[in-house]
Amino acid sequence: MTEIKITREDGKSGGRYVAVVNGHEAEMTYSRAGTERIIIDHTGVPRELGGLGVGVALVKQAVEDARRDGIKIIPLCPFAKAQIQKHPEWQDILA
């Protein structure tokens, strides 16, 4: 399996998680909802990266960051919401 390196671009009102794999960029964007919550609003994975686990890796990174930073996630993005629901061990980060 290809190693998935994820970077976080964080701004004042939101940001995104980015993974570049085999020359293709996948992203998951979020907005800030105050100081204690983020809203994941979009996950985009190119067809070329389908089945490699890139989308799940993006959500997992957001979950790990939320735990570390002591914030909660509101998953408006259907993909992120479905992944969090599939992983009982991630339920603690839901707002």
PDB file of N, CA and C in Angstrom:
ATOM      1  N   MET A   1       0.830  -1.188   0.000  1.00  0.00           N
ATOM      2  CA  MET A   1       0.000   0.000   0.000  1.00  0.00           C
ATOM      3  C   MET A   1       0.876   1.253   0.000  1.00  0.00           C
ATOM      4  N   THR A   2       0.411   2.263  -0.693  1.00  0.00           N
ATOM      5  CA  THR A   2       1.126   3.521  -0.778  1.00  0.00           C
ATOM      6  C   THR A   2       1.021   4.279   0.536  1.00  0.00           C
ATOM      7  N   GLU A   3       2.148   4.824   0.996  1.00  0.00           N
ATOM      8  CA  GLU A   3       2.119   5.633   2.212  1.00  0.00           C
ATOM      9  C   GLU A   3       1.398   6.942   1.913  1.00  0.00           C
ATOM     10  N   ILE A   4       0.514   7.335   2.806  1.00  0.00           N
ATOM     11  CA  ILE A   4      -0.279   8.546   2.606  1.00  0.00           C
ATOM     12  C   ILE A   4       0.199   9.602   3.582  1.00  0.00           C
ATOM     13  N   LYS A   5       0.840  10.641   3.059  1.00  0.00           N
ATOM     14  CA  LYS A   5       1.306  11.756   3.889  1.00  0.00           C
ATOM     15  C   LYS A   5       0.290  12.878   3.787  1.00  0.00           C
ATOM     16  N   ILE A   6      -0.174  13.327   4.944  1.00  0.00           N
ATOM     17  CA  ILE A   6      -1.211  14.355   4.980  1.00  0.00           C
ATOM     18  C   ILE A   6      -0.644  15.627   5.589  1.00  0.00           C
ATOM     19  N   THR A   7      -0.927  16.740   4.932  1.00  0.00           N
ATOM     20  CA  THR A   7      -0.546  18.034   5.474  1.00  0.00           C
ATOM     21  C   THR A   7      -1.830  18.810   5.793  1.00  0.00           C
ATOM     22  N   ARG A   8      -1.705  19.709   6.740  1.00  0.00           N
ATOM     23  CA  ARG A   8      -2.842  20.528   7.155  1.00  0.00           C
ATOM     24  C   ARG A   8      -2.522  21.977   6.866  1.00  0.00           C
ATOM     25  N   GLU A   9      -3.428  22.615   6.133  1.00  0.00           N
ATOM     26  CA  GLU A   9      -3.322  24.049   5.861  1.00  0.00           C
ATOM     27  C   GLU A   9      -4.394  24.722   6.700  1.00  0.00           C
ATOM     28  N   ASP A  10      -3.971  25.432   7.728  1.00  0.00           N
ATOM     29  CA  ASP A  10      -4.894  25.977   8.709  1.00  0.00           C
ATOM     30  C   ASP A  10      -4.948  27.492   8.609  1.00  0.00           C
ATOM     31  N   GLY A  11      -6.151  28.035   8.492  1.00  0.00           N
ATOM     32  CA  GLY A  11      -6.329  29.483   8.436  1.00  0.00           C
ATOM     33  C   GLY A  11      -7.207  29.965   9.573  1.00  0.00           C
ATOM     34  N   LYS A  12      -7.477  31.235   9.582  1.00  0.00           N
ATOM     35  CA  LYS A  12      -8.257  31.835  10.670  1.00  0.00           C
ATOM     36  C   LYS A  12      -9.696  31.322  10.703  1.00  0.00           C
ATOM     37  N   SER A  13     -10.321  31.168   9.540  1.00  0.00           N
ATOM     38  CA  SER A  13     -11.725  30.752   9.508  1.00  0.00           C
ATOM     39  C   SER A  13     -11.920  29.292   9.109  1.00  0.00           C
ATOM     40  N   GLY A  14     -10.839  28.617   8.731  1.00  0.00           N
ATOM     41  CA  GLY A  14     -10.945  27.216   8.322  1.00  0.00           C
ATOM     42  C   GLY A  14      -9.651  26.747   7.697  1.00  0.00           C
ATOM     43  N   GLY A  15      -9.763  25.667   6.972  1.00  0.00           N
ATOM     44  CA  GLY A  15      -8.574  25.140   6.327  1.00  0.00           C
ATOM     45  C   GLY A  15      -8.872  23.855   5.586  1.00  0.00           C
ATOM     46  N   ARG A  16      -7.813  23.104   5.341  1.00  0.00           N
ATOM     47  CA  ARG A  16      -7.989  21.844   4.646  1.00  0.00           C
ATOM     48  C   ARG A  16      -6.858  20.888   4.971  1.00  0.00           C
ATOM     49  N   TYR A  17      -7.169  19.615   4.820  1.00  0.00           N
ATOM     50  CA  TYR A  17      -6.188  18.545   4.896  1.00  0.00           C
ATOM     51  C   TYR A  17      -5.928  18.118   3.465  1.00  0.00           C
ATOM     52  N   VAL A  18      -4.662  17.912   3.137  1.00  0.00           N
ATOM     53  CA  VAL A  18      -4.288  17.579   1.768  1.00  0.00           C
ATOM     54  C   VAL A  18      -3.399  16.346   1.760  1.00  0.00           C
ATOM     55  N   ALA A  19      -3.683  15.458   0.816  1.00  0.00           N
ATOM     56  CA  ALA A  19      -2.830  14.295   0.589  1.00  0.00           C
ATOM     57  C   ALA A  19      -2.513  14.252  -0.901  1.00  0.00           C
ATOM     58  N   VAL A  20      -1.235  14.178  -1.233  1.00  0.00           N
ATOM     59  CA  VAL A  20      -0.824  14.026  -2.625  1.00  0.00           C
ATOM     60  C   VAL A  20      -0.240  12.627  -2.766  1.00  0.00           C
ATOM     61  N   VAL A  21      -0.900  11.817  -3.584  1.00  0.00           N
ATOM     62  CA  VAL A  21      -0.489  10.430  -3.784  1.00  0.00           C
ATOM     63  C   VAL A  21      -0.390  10.182  -5.282  1.00  0.00           C
ATOM     64  N   ASN A  22       0.741   9.664  -5.706  1.00  0.00           N
ATOM     65  CA  ASN A  22       0.965   9.356  -7.125  1.00  0.00           C
ATOM     66  C   ASN A  22       0.655  10.555  -8.026  1.00  0.00           C
ATOM     67  N   GLY A  23       0.994  11.752  -7.540  1.00  0.00           N
ATOM     68  CA  GLY A  23       0.794  12.964  -8.325  1.00  0.00           C
ATOM     69  C   GLY A  23      -0.628  13.516  -8.320  1.00  0.00           C
ATOM     70  N   HIS A  24      -1.536  12.898  -7.571  1.00  0.00           N
ATOM     71  CA  HIS A  24      -2.922  13.359  -7.503  1.00  0.00           C
ATOM     72  C   HIS A  24      -3.214  13.900  -6.105  1.00  0.00           C
ATOM     73  N   GLU A  25      -3.960  15.011  -6.063  1.00  0.00           N
ATOM     74  CA  GLU A  25      -4.260  15.659  -4.788  1.00  0.00           C
ATOM     75  C   GLU A  25      -5.680  15.356  -4.321  1.00  0.00           C
ATOM     76  N   ALA A  26      -5.797  14.917  -3.082  1.00  0.00           N
ATOM     77  CA  ALA A  26      -7.091  14.735  -2.414  1.00  0.00           C
ATOM     78  C   ALA A  26      -7.155  15.757  -1.290  1.00  0.00           C
ATOM     79  N   GLU A  27      -8.366  16.197  -0.958  1.00  0.00           N
ATOM     80  CA  GLU A  27      -8.485  17.183   0.111  1.00  0.00           C
ATOM     81  C   GLU A  27      -9.762  16.983   0.914  1.00  0.00           C
ATOM     82  N   MET A  28      -9.715  17.489   2.128  1.00  0.00           N
ATOM     83  CA  MET A  28     -10.890  17.561   2.986  1.00  0.00           C
ATOM     84  C   MET A  28     -10.875  18.954   3.597  1.00  0.00           C
ATOM     85  N   THR A  29     -11.951  19.708   3.377  1.00  0.00           N
ATOM     86  CA  THR A  29     -11.989  21.085   3.851  1.00  0.00           C
ATOM     87  C   THR A  29     -12.855  21.211   5.098  1.00  0.00           C
ATOM     88  N   TYR A  30     -12.551  22.226   5.879  1.00  0.00           N
ATOM     89  CA  TYR A  30     -13.307  22.471   7.104  1.00  0.00           C
ATOM     90  C   TYR A  30     -13.393  23.966   7.389  1.00  0.00           C
ATOM     91  N   SER A  31     -14.411  24.316   8.155  1.00  0.00           N
ATOM     92  CA  SER A  31     -14.591  25.684   8.632  1.00  0.00           C
ATOM     93  C   SER A  31     -14.586  25.654  10.151  1.00  0.00           C
ATOM     94  N   ARG A  32     -14.187  26.744  10.742  1.00  0.00           N
ATOM     95  CA  ARG A  32     -14.225  26.851  12.200  1.00  0.00           C
ATOM     96  C   ARG A  32     -15.621  27.289  12.641  1.00  0.00           C
ATOM     97  N   ALA A  33     -16.086  26.689  13.724  1.00  0.00           N
ATOM     98  CA  ALA A  33     -17.354  27.084  14.343  1.00  0.00           C
ATOM     99  C   ALA A  33     -17.017  27.478  15.777  1.00  0.00           C
ATOM    100  N   GLY A  34     -16.517  28.678  15.932  1.00  0.00           N
ATOM    101  CA  GLY A  34     -16.029  29.115  17.234  1.00  0.00           C
ATOM    102  C   GLY A  34     -14.646  28.554  17.492  1.00  0.00           C
ATOM    103  N   THR A  35     -14.280  28.466  18.763  1.00  0.00           N
ATOM    104  CA  THR A  35     -12.937  28.008  19.119  1.00  0.00           C
ATOM    105  C   THR A  35     -12.887  26.528  19.481  1.00  0.00           C
ATOM    106  N   GLU A  36     -14.056  25.894  19.618  1.00  0.00           N
ATOM    107  CA  GLU A  36     -14.075  24.513  20.100  1.00  0.00           C
ATOM    108  C   GLU A  36     -14.637  23.512  19.115  1.00  0.00           C
ATOM    109  N   ARG A  37     -14.949  23.955  17.879  1.00  0.00           N
ATOM    110  CA  ARG A  37     -15.523  23.041  16.893  1.00  0.00           C
ATOM    111  C   ARG A  37     -15.031  23.368  15.498  1.00  0.00           C
ATOM    112  N   ILE A  38     -14.944  22.318  14.677  1.00  0.00           N
ATOM    113  CA  ILE A  38     -14.752  22.512  13.240  1.00  0.00           C
ATOM    114  C   ILE A  38     -15.873  21.778  12.518  1.00  0.00           C
ATOM    115  N   ILE A  39     -16.201  22.281  11.343  1.00  0.00           N
ATOM    116  CA  ILE A  39     -17.215  21.673  10.490  1.00  0.00           C
ATOM    117  C   ILE A  39     -16.506  21.122   9.257  1.00  0.00           C
ATOM    118  N   ILE A  40     -16.496  19.816   9.113  1.00  0.00           N
ATOM    119  CA  ILE A  40     -15.942  19.215   7.892  1.00  0.00           C
ATOM    120  C   ILE A  40     -17.038  19.313   6.841  1.00  0.00           C
ATOM    121  N   ASP A  41     -16.740  20.051   5.745  1.00  0.00           N
ATOM    122  CA  ASP A  41     -17.785  20.308   4.764  1.00  0.00           C
ATOM    123  C   ASP A  41     -17.568  19.653   3.405  1.00  0.00           C
ATOM    124  N   HIS A  42     -16.384  19.121   3.158  1.00  0.00           N
ATOM    125  CA  HIS A  42     -16.148  18.526   1.830  1.00  0.00           C
ATOM    126  C   HIS A  42     -14.941  17.591   1.884  1.00  0.00           C
ATOM    127  N   THR A  43     -15.076  16.453   1.236  1.00  0.00           N
ATOM    128  CA  THR A  43     -13.949  15.557   1.009  1.00  0.00           C
ATOM    129  C   THR A  43     -13.930  15.241  -0.479  1.00  0.00           C
ATOM    130  N   GLY A  44     -12.796  15.479  -1.105  1.00  0.00           N
ATOM    131  CA  GLY A  44     -12.662  15.208  -2.533  1.00  0.00           C
ATOM    132  C   GLY A  44     -11.452  14.333  -2.801  1.00  0.00           C
ATOM    133  N   VAL A  45     -11.710  13.177  -3.391  1.00  0.00           N
ATOM    134  CA  VAL A  45     -10.647  12.238  -3.740  1.00  0.00           C
ATOM    135  C   VAL A  45     -10.765  11.922  -5.230  1.00  0.00           C
ATOM    136  N   PRO A  46      -9.732  12.201  -6.013  1.00  0.00           N
ATOM    137  CA  PRO A  46      -9.806  11.911  -7.443  1.00  0.00           C
ATOM    138  C   PRO A  46     -10.006  10.412  -7.708  1.00  0.00           C
ATOM    139  N   ARG A  47     -10.662  10.125  -8.791  1.00  0.00           N
ATOM    140  CA  ARG A  47     -10.934   8.751  -9.195  1.00  0.00           C
ATOM    141  C   ARG A  47      -9.659   7.901  -9.216  1.00  0.00           C
ATOM    142  N   GLU A  48      -8.548   8.501  -9.591  1.00  0.00           N
ATOM    143  CA  GLU A  48      -7.278   7.772  -9.674  1.00  0.00           C
ATOM    144  C   GLU A  48      -6.812   7.242  -8.317  1.00  0.00           C
ATOM    145  N   LEU A  49      -7.321   7.836  -7.246  1.00  0.00           N
ATOM    146  CA  LEU A  49      -6.917   7.416  -5.902  1.00  0.00           C
ATOM    147  C   LEU A  49      -7.985   6.572  -5.206  1.00  0.00           C
ATOM    148  N   GLY A  50      -9.052   6.279  -5.911  1.00  0.00           N
ATOM    149  CA  GLY A  50     -10.129   5.482  -5.338  1.00  0.00           C
ATOM    150  C   GLY A  50      -9.634   4.122  -4.867  1.00  0.00           C
ATOM    151  N   GLY A  51     -10.101   3.703  -3.710  1.00  0.00           N
ATOM    152  CA  GLY A  51      -9.755   2.395  -3.169  1.00  0.00           C
ATOM    153  C   GLY A  51      -8.432   2.328  -2.434  1.00  0.00           C
ATOM    154  N   LEU A  52      -7.716   3.439  -2.347  1.00  0.00           N
ATOM    155  CA  LEU A  52      -6.414   3.437  -1.671  1.00  0.00           C
ATOM    156  C   LEU A  52      -6.514   3.855  -0.204  1.00  0.00           C
ATOM    157  N   GLY A  53      -7.697   4.222   0.242  1.00  0.00           N
ATOM    158  CA  GLY A  53      -7.874   4.618   1.636  1.00  0.00           C
ATOM    159  C   GLY A  53      -7.505   6.057   1.919  1.00  0.00           C
ATOM    160  N   VAL A  54      -7.389   6.868   0.879  1.00  0.00           N
ATOM    161  CA  VAL A  54      -6.969   8.260   1.061  1.00  0.00           C
ATOM    162  C   VAL A  54      -8.033   9.059   1.814  1.00  0.00           C
ATOM    163  N   GLY A  55      -9.296   8.900   1.436  1.00  0.00           N
ATOM    164  CA  GLY A  55     -10.365   9.626   2.112  1.00  0.00           C
ATOM    165  C   GLY A  55     -10.442   9.286   3.592  1.00  0.00           C
ATOM    166  N   VAL A  56     -10.352   8.003   3.905  1.00  0.00           N
ATOM    167  CA  VAL A  56     -10.384   7.575   5.313  1.00  0.00           C
ATOM    168  C   VAL A  56      -9.196   8.153   6.066  1.00  0.00           C
ATOM    169  N   ALA A  57      -8.036   8.187   5.427  1.00  0.00           N
ATOM    170  CA  ALA A  57      -6.837   8.737   6.067  1.00  0.00           C
ATOM    171  C   ALA A  57      -7.018  10.219   6.386  1.00  0.00           C
ATOM    172  N   LEU A  58      -7.681  10.959   5.507  1.00  0.00           N
ATOM    173  CA  LEU A  58      -7.938  12.381   5.761  1.00  0.00           C
ATOM    174  C   LEU A  58      -8.832  12.553   6.985  1.00  0.00           C
ATOM    175  N   VAL A  59      -9.903  11.756   7.059  1.00  0.00           N
ATOM    176  CA  VAL A  59     -10.822  11.848   8.203  1.00  0.00           C
ATOM    177  C   VAL A  59     -10.097  11.442   9.488  1.00  0.00           C
ATOM    178  N   LYS A  60      -9.320  10.374   9.417  1.00  0.00           N
ATOM    179  CA  LYS A  60      -8.587   9.906  10.599  1.00  0.00           C
ATOM    180  C   LYS A  60      -7.650  10.985  11.128  1.00  0.00           C
ATOM    181  N   GLN A  61      -6.980  11.702  10.221  1.00  0.00           N
ATOM    182  CA  GLN A  61      -6.072  12.772  10.647  1.00  0.00           C
ATOM    183  C   GLN A  61      -6.845  13.880  11.358  1.00  0.00           C
ATOM    184  N   ALA A  62      -8.023  14.230  10.836  1.00  0.00           N
ATOM    185  CA  ALA A  62      -8.847  15.257  11.488  1.00  0.00           C
ATOM    186  C   ALA A  62      -9.281  14.798  12.881  1.00  0.00           C
ATOM    187  N   VAL A  63      -9.632  13.523  13.018  1.00  0.00           N
ATOM    188  CA  VAL A  63     -10.029  12.975  14.317  1.00  0.00           C
ATOM    189  C   VAL A  63      -8.866  13.063  15.297  1.00  0.00           C
ATOM    190  N   GLU A  64      -7.680  12.651  14.860  1.00  0.00           N
ATOM    191  CA  GLU A  64      -6.499  12.699  15.729  1.00  0.00           C
ATOM    192  C   GLU A  64      -6.175  14.134  16.136  1.00  0.00           C
ATOM    193  N   ASP A  65      -6.273  15.063  15.187  1.00  0.00           N
ATOM    194  CA  ASP A  65      -6.001  16.469  15.494  1.00  0.00           C
ATOM    195  C   ASP A  65      -7.043  17.038  16.461  1.00  0.00           C
ATOM    196  N   ALA A  66      -8.312  16.660  16.272  1.00  0.00           N
ATOM    197  CA  ALA A  66      -9.374  17.141  17.161  1.00  0.00           C
ATOM    198  C   ALA A  66      -9.122  16.676  18.589  1.00  0.00           C
ATOM    199  N   ARG A  67      -8.736  15.431  18.742  1.00  0.00           N
ATOM    200  CA  ARG A  67      -8.428  14.915  20.088  1.00  0.00           C
ATOM    201  C   ARG A  67      -7.262  15.675  20.706  1.00  0.00           C
ATOM    202  N   ARG A  68      -6.219  15.855  19.927  1.00  0.00           N
ATOM    203  CA  ARG A  68      -5.029  16.546  20.425  1.00  0.00           C
ATOM    204  C   ARG A  68      -5.339  17.987  20.816  1.00  0.00           C
ATOM    205  N   ASP A  69      -6.171  18.652  20.011  1.00  0.00           N
ATOM    206  CA  ASP A  69      -6.468  20.064  20.222  1.00  0.00           C
ATOM    207  C   ASP A  69      -7.653  20.294  21.158  1.00  0.00           C
ATOM    208  N   GLY A  70      -8.335  19.213  21.571  1.00  0.00           N
ATOM    209  CA  GLY A  70      -9.472  19.343  22.470  1.00  0.00           C
ATOM    210  C   GLY A  70     -10.686  19.994  21.838  1.00  0.00           C
ATOM    211  N   ILE A  71     -10.909  19.721  20.550  1.00  0.00           N
ATOM    212  CA  ILE A  71     -12.075  20.285  19.864  1.00  0.00           C
ATOM    213  C   ILE A  71     -12.986  19.158  19.385  1.00  0.00           C
ATOM    214  N   LYS A  72     -14.168  19.541  18.931  1.00  0.00           N
ATOM    215  CA  LYS A  72     -15.155  18.594  18.422  1.00  0.00           C
ATOM    216  C   LYS A  72     -15.365  18.826  16.931  1.00  0.00           C
ATOM    217  N   ILE A  73     -15.882  17.790  16.258  1.00  0.00           N
ATOM    218  CA  ILE A  73     -16.117  17.850  14.822  1.00  0.00           C
ATOM    219  C   ILE A  73     -17.611  17.753  14.535  1.00  0.00           C
ATOM    220  N   ILE A  74     -18.071  18.603  13.630  1.00  0.00           N
ATOM    221  CA  ILE A  74     -19.414  18.504  13.068  1.00  0.00           C
ATOM    222  C   ILE A  74     -19.215  18.047  11.621  1.00  0.00           C
ATOM    223  N   PRO A  75     -19.526  16.792  11.302  1.00  0.00           N
ATOM    224  CA  PRO A  75     -19.274  16.287   9.946  1.00  0.00           C
ATOM    225  C   PRO A  75     -20.463  16.515   9.011  1.00  0.00           C
ATOM    226  N   LEU A  76     -20.484  17.641   8.304  1.00  0.00           N
ATOM    227  CA  LEU A  76     -21.545  17.898   7.331  1.00  0.00           C
ATOM    228  C   LEU A  76     -21.281  17.158   6.021  1.00  0.00           C
ATOM    229  N   CYS A  77     -20.036  16.896   5.727  1.00  0.00           N
ATOM    230  CA  CYS A  77     -19.673  16.137   4.529  1.00  0.00           C
ATOM    231  C   CYS A  77     -20.181  14.704   4.695  1.00  0.00           C
ATOM    232  N   PRO A  78     -20.969  14.213   3.732  1.00  0.00           N
ATOM    233  CA  PRO A  78     -21.514  12.858   3.850  1.00  0.00           C
ATOM    234  C   PRO A  78     -20.442  11.770   4.004  1.00  0.00           C
ATOM    235  N   PHE A  79     -19.322  11.915   3.307  1.00  0.00           N
ATOM    236  CA  PHE A  79     -18.265  10.906   3.416  1.00  0.00           C
ATOM    237  C   PHE A  79     -17.670  10.905   4.821  1.00  0.00           C
ATOM    238  N   ALA A  80     -17.314  12.085   5.323  1.00  0.00           N
ATOM    239  CA  ALA A  80     -16.720  12.163   6.665  1.00  0.00           C
ATOM    240  C   ALA A  80     -17.709  11.659   7.711  1.00  0.00           C
ATOM    241  N   LYS A  81     -18.976  12.014   7.575  1.00  0.00           N
ATOM    242  CA  LYS A  81     -19.996  11.569   8.519  1.00  0.00           C
ATOM    243  C   LYS A  81     -20.099  10.041   8.514  1.00  0.00           C
ATOM    244  N   ALA A  82     -20.116   9.440   7.332  1.00  0.00           N
ATOM    245  CA  ALA A  82     -20.214   7.982   7.220  1.00  0.00           C
ATOM    246  C   ALA A  82     -18.997   7.294   7.828  1.00  0.00           C
ATOM    247  N   GLN A  83     -17.807   7.844   7.606  1.00  0.00           N
ATOM    248  CA  GLN A  83     -16.596   7.231   8.149  1.00  0.00           C
ATOM    249  C   GLN A  83     -16.575   7.301   9.670  1.00  0.00           C
ATOM    250  N   ILE A  84     -16.973   8.431  10.219  1.00  0.00           N
ATOM    251  CA  ILE A  84     -17.003   8.564  11.678  1.00  0.00           C
ATOM    252  C   ILE A  84     -18.028   7.602  12.275  1.00  0.00           C
ATOM    253  N   GLN A  85     -19.163   7.435  11.602  1.00  0.00           N
ATOM    254  CA  GLN A  85     -20.179   6.491  12.089  1.00  0.00           C
ATOM    255  C   GLN A  85     -19.677   5.049  12.026  1.00  0.00           C
ATOM    256  N   LYS A  86     -18.847   4.730  11.041  1.00  0.00           N
ATOM    257  CA  LYS A  86     -18.308   3.369  10.891  1.00  0.00           C
ATOM    258  C   LYS A  86     -17.263   3.026  11.939  1.00  0.00           C
ATOM    259  N   HIS A  87     -16.707   4.031  12.583  1.00  0.00           N
ATOM    260  CA  HIS A  87     -15.623   3.831  13.548  1.00  0.00           C
ATOM    261  C   HIS A  87     -16.088   4.232  14.949  1.00  0.00           C
ATOM    262  N   PRO A  88     -16.571   3.275  15.742  1.00  0.00           N
ATOM    263  CA  PRO A  88     -17.043   3.599  17.097  1.00  0.00           C
ATOM    264  C   PRO A  88     -15.983   4.300  17.941  1.00  0.00           C
ATOM    265  N   GLU A  89     -14.721   4.006  17.681  1.00  0.00           N
ATOM    266  CA  GLU A  89     -13.637   4.605  18.459  1.00  0.00           C
ATOM    267  C   GLU A  89     -13.433   6.088  18.143  1.00  0.00           C
ATOM    268  N   TRP A  90     -14.120   6.599  17.145  1.00  0.00           N
ATOM    269  CA  TRP A  90     -14.023   8.013  16.788  1.00  0.00           C
ATOM    270  C   TRP A  90     -15.194   8.829  17.320  1.00  0.00           C
ATOM    271  N   GLN A  91     -16.184   8.215  17.923  1.00  0.00           N
ATOM    272  CA  GLN A  91     -17.407   8.903  18.340  1.00  0.00           C
ATOM    273  C   GLN A  91     -17.154  10.018  19.366  1.00  0.00           C
ATOM    274  N   ASP A  92     -16.073   9.930  20.101  1.00  0.00           N
ATOM    275  CA  ASP A  92     -15.796  10.924  21.148  1.00  0.00           C
ATOM    276  C   ASP A  92     -15.550  12.324  20.609  1.00  0.00           C
ATOM    277  N   ILE A  93     -15.253  12.464  19.334  1.00  0.00           N
ATOM    278  CA  ILE A  93     -14.936  13.792  18.788  1.00  0.00           C
ATOM    279  C   ILE A  93     -16.154  14.492  18.184  1.00  0.00           C
ATOM    280  N   LEU A  94     -17.297  13.802  18.170  1.00  0.00           N
ATOM    281  CA  LEU A  94     -18.493  14.419  17.586  1.00  0.00           C
ATOM    282  C   LEU A  94     -19.038  15.528  18.478  1.00  0.00           C
ATOM    283  N   ALA A  95     -19.439  16.625  17.838  1.00  0.00           N
ATOM    284  CA  ALA A  95     -20.045  17.747  18.582  1.00  0.00           C
ATOM    285  C   ALA A  95     -21.503  17.433  18.859  1.00  0.00           C
TER     286      ALA A  95
END
